Amino acid sequence: MNEAAASGYGLGSIIALIVSAVLNKSLFWAFLHFLCGWFYLVYVLIYRVHEVLPAFKQILLSFLGL
């Protein structure tokens, strides 16, 4: 078993943490959604995708300096 699997932090949990922090702007909700992982991501893709795309577009543009 590799170190990432042994520590319990999966890709879904990390992505859920980032998405929740961007959408909710709250560390409490980000941590809670980190624990939910892929379940939260599926919820976001079904019910809140219209909020996710503009937020990540803005982040990407500011990261690229455009």
N, C-alpha and C. Protein backbone atom coordinates (compact mmCIF):
# COMPACT_ATOMS: atom_id res chain seq x y z
N MET A 1 0.85 -1.17 0.00
CA MET A 1 0.00 0.00 0.00
C MET A 1 0.90 1.24 0.00
N ASN A 2 0.57 2.21 -0.85
CA ASN A 2 1.41 3.41 -0.90
C ASN A 2 1.06 4.37 0.24
N GLU A 3 1.86 5.43 0.39
CA GLU A 3 1.69 6.34 1.52
C GLU A 3 0.39 7.12 1.47
N ALA A 4 -0.05 7.53 0.28
CA ALA A 4 -1.29 8.29 0.17
C ALA A 4 -2.48 7.45 0.61
N ALA A 5 -2.52 6.21 0.21
CA ALA A 5 -3.62 5.33 0.60
C ALA A 5 -3.57 5.04 2.09
N ALA A 6 -2.39 4.90 2.63
CA ALA A 6 -2.24 4.60 4.05
C ALA A 6 -2.67 5.79 4.91
N SER A 7 -2.43 7.01 4.45
CA SER A 7 -2.78 8.17 5.24
C SER A 7 -4.28 8.48 5.17
N GLY A 8 -4.96 8.01 4.15
CA GLY A 8 -6.39 8.20 4.05
C GLY A 8 -6.82 9.43 3.30
N TYR A 9 -5.89 10.23 2.83
CA TYR A 9 -6.23 11.43 2.07
C TYR A 9 -6.27 11.08 0.60
N GLY A 10 -7.46 11.01 0.07
CA GLY A 10 -7.60 10.65 -1.33
C GLY A 10 -7.78 11.87 -2.20
N LEU A 11 -7.70 11.64 -3.49
CA LEU A 11 -7.86 12.71 -4.46
C LEU A 11 -9.24 13.35 -4.34
N GLY A 12 -10.26 12.53 -4.14
CA GLY A 12 -11.61 13.06 -4.00
C GLY A 12 -11.76 13.98 -2.80
N SER A 13 -11.12 13.65 -1.71
CA SER A 13 -11.20 14.48 -0.51
C SER A 13 -10.51 15.82 -0.72
N ILE A 14 -9.36 15.81 -1.37
CA ILE A 14 -8.63 17.05 -1.62
C ILE A 14 -9.41 17.94 -2.58
N ILE A 15 -9.96 17.36 -3.64
CA ILE A 15 -10.75 18.15 -4.59
C ILE A 15 -12.00 18.69 -3.91
N ALA A 16 -12.65 17.88 -3.07
CA ALA A 16 -13.84 18.34 -2.35
C ALA A 16 -13.50 19.50 -1.43
N LEU A 17 -12.36 19.46 -0.79
CA LEU A 17 -11.91 20.55 0.08
C LEU A 17 -11.76 21.84 -0.72
N ILE A 18 -11.12 21.77 -1.87
CA ILE A 18 -10.89 22.95 -2.70
C ILE A 18 -12.21 23.50 -3.24
N VAL A 19 -13.05 22.62 -3.78
CA VAL A 19 -14.33 23.05 -4.34
C VAL A 19 -15.19 23.70 -3.26
N SER A 20 -15.25 23.09 -2.10
CA SER A 20 -16.06 23.64 -1.02
C SER A 20 -15.52 24.98 -0.55
N ALA A 21 -14.22 25.12 -0.45
CA ALA A 21 -13.64 26.40 -0.03
C ALA A 21 -13.96 27.50 -1.03
N VAL A 22 -13.91 27.17 -2.31
CA VAL A 22 -14.22 28.17 -3.35
C VAL A 22 -15.70 28.54 -3.33
N LEU A 23 -16.56 27.55 -3.22
CA LEU A 23 -18.00 27.82 -3.26
C LEU A 23 -18.53 28.47 -1.99
N ASN A 24 -18.11 27.95 -0.84
CA ASN A 24 -18.71 28.37 0.43
C ASN A 24 -17.90 29.42 1.17
N LYS A 25 -16.61 29.54 0.84
CA LYS A 25 -15.73 30.48 1.52
C LYS A 25 -15.76 30.29 3.04
N SER A 26 -15.72 29.03 3.45
CA SER A 26 -15.78 28.69 4.87
C SER A 26 -14.87 27.49 5.14
N LEU A 27 -14.00 27.63 6.13
CA LEU A 27 -13.12 26.51 6.49
C LEU A 27 -13.90 25.37 7.14
N PHE A 28 -14.94 25.71 7.89
CA PHE A 28 -15.75 24.67 8.51
C PHE A 28 -16.37 23.75 7.47
N TRP A 29 -17.04 24.36 6.47
CA TRP A 29 -17.68 23.56 5.43
C TRP A 29 -16.64 22.84 4.57
N ALA A 30 -15.51 23.48 4.34
CA ALA A 30 -14.45 22.83 3.56
C ALA A 30 -13.97 21.56 4.25
N PHE A 31 -13.76 21.62 5.56
CA PHE A 31 -13.32 20.44 6.31
C PHE A 31 -14.39 19.36 6.30
N LEU A 32 -15.65 19.76 6.50
CA LEU A 32 -16.74 18.79 6.49
C LEU A 32 -16.83 18.09 5.13
N HIS A 33 -16.72 18.86 4.06
CA HIS A 33 -16.80 18.27 2.72
C HIS A 33 -15.55 17.48 2.38
N PHE A 34 -14.42 17.82 2.99
CA PHE A 34 -13.21 17.01 2.87
C PHE A 34 -13.48 15.59 3.38
N LEU A 35 -14.20 15.50 4.47
CA LEU A 35 -14.53 14.19 5.04
C LEU A 35 -15.49 13.41 4.14
N CYS A 36 -16.36 14.11 3.44
CA CYS A 36 -17.34 13.45 2.55
C CYS A 36 -16.72 13.01 1.23
N GLY A 37 -15.70 13.73 0.77
CA GLY A 37 -14.98 13.34 -0.44
C GLY A 37 -15.82 13.29 -1.70
N TRP A 38 -15.81 12.12 -2.34
CA TRP A 38 -16.48 11.95 -3.63
C TRP A 38 -17.98 12.16 -3.54
N PHE A 39 -18.59 11.88 -2.39
CA PHE A 39 -20.03 12.09 -2.24
C PHE A 39 -20.38 13.57 -2.43
N TYR A 40 -19.56 14.44 -1.84
CA TYR A 40 -19.80 15.88 -2.00
C TYR A 40 -19.58 16.29 -3.45
N LEU A 41 -18.58 15.75 -4.11
CA LEU A 41 -18.31 16.11 -5.49
C LEU A 41 -19.46 15.70 -6.42
N VAL A 42 -20.04 14.55 -6.18
CA VAL A 42 -21.19 14.12 -6.98
C VAL A 42 -22.36 15.07 -6.75
N TYR A 43 -22.59 15.45 -5.49
CA TYR A 43 -23.65 16.42 -5.18
C TYR A 43 -23.42 17.73 -5.93
N VAL A 44 -22.20 18.23 -5.91
CA VAL A 44 -21.88 19.49 -6.59
C VAL A 44 -22.11 19.37 -8.08
N LEU A 45 -21.69 18.27 -8.68
CA LEU A 45 -21.88 18.08 -10.12
C LEU A 45 -23.36 17.99 -10.50
N ILE A 46 -24.19 17.50 -9.61
CA ILE A 46 -25.61 17.38 -9.92
C ILE A 46 -26.36 18.68 -9.66
N TYR A 47 -26.09 19.31 -8.51
CA TYR A 47 -26.93 20.43 -8.08
C TYR A 47 -26.28 21.81 -8.17
N ARG A 48 -24.94 21.90 -8.18
CA ARG A 48 -24.31 23.23 -8.10
C ARG A 48 -23.28 23.48 -9.20
N VAL A 49 -23.35 22.74 -10.29
CA VAL A 49 -22.36 22.89 -11.35
C VAL A 49 -22.37 24.29 -11.95
N HIS A 50 -23.53 24.94 -11.96
CA HIS A 50 -23.62 26.30 -12.51
C HIS A 50 -22.84 27.31 -11.67
N GLU A 51 -22.54 26.98 -10.40
CA GLU A 51 -21.73 27.84 -9.55
C GLU A 51 -20.24 27.53 -9.64
N VAL A 52 -19.94 26.29 -9.93
CA VAL A 52 -18.54 25.84 -9.94
C VAL A 52 -17.78 26.38 -11.15
N LEU A 53 -18.37 26.30 -12.31
CA LEU A 53 -17.65 26.66 -13.53
C LEU A 53 -17.19 28.12 -13.56
N PRO A 54 -18.04 29.10 -13.24
CA PRO A 54 -17.54 30.48 -13.23
C PRO A 54 -16.47 30.73 -12.18
N ALA A 55 -16.61 30.10 -11.01
CA ALA A 55 -15.62 30.29 -9.95
C ALA A 55 -14.25 29.77 -10.37
N PHE A 56 -14.22 28.58 -10.97
CA PHE A 56 -12.93 28.03 -11.37
C PHE A 56 -12.38 28.72 -12.61
N LYS A 57 -13.23 29.26 -13.44
CA LYS A 57 -12.75 30.05 -14.57
C LYS A 57 -12.04 31.29 -14.06
N GLN A 58 -12.61 31.94 -13.07
CA GLN A 58 -12.00 33.14 -12.47
C GLN A 58 -10.66 32.80 -11.83
N ILE A 59 -10.59 31.69 -11.11
CA ILE A 59 -9.33 31.27 -10.48
C ILE A 59 -8.27 30.98 -11.53
N LEU A 60 -8.65 30.27 -12.59
CA LEU A 60 -7.71 29.93 -13.64
C LEU A 60 -7.19 31.17 -14.34
N LEU A 61 -8.08 32.12 -14.64
CA LEU A 61 -7.64 33.35 -15.29
C LEU A 61 -6.71 34.17 -14.39
N SER A 62 -7.01 34.24 -13.11
CA SER A 62 -6.12 35.00 -12.23
C SER A 62 -4.79 34.29 -12.04
N PHE A 63 -4.80 32.95 -12.06
CA PHE A 63 -3.56 32.19 -11.95
C PHE A 63 -2.67 32.42 -13.18
N LEU A 64 -3.29 32.49 -14.34
CA LEU A 64 -2.54 32.70 -15.58
C LEU A 64 -2.20 34.18 -15.81
N GLY A 65 -2.75 35.05 -14.97
CA GLY A 65 -2.47 36.47 -15.09
C GLY A 65 -3.20 37.15 -16.22
N LEU A 66 -4.35 36.63 -16.61
CA LEU A 66 -5.13 37.21 -17.70
C LEU A 66 -6.25 38.08 -17.20
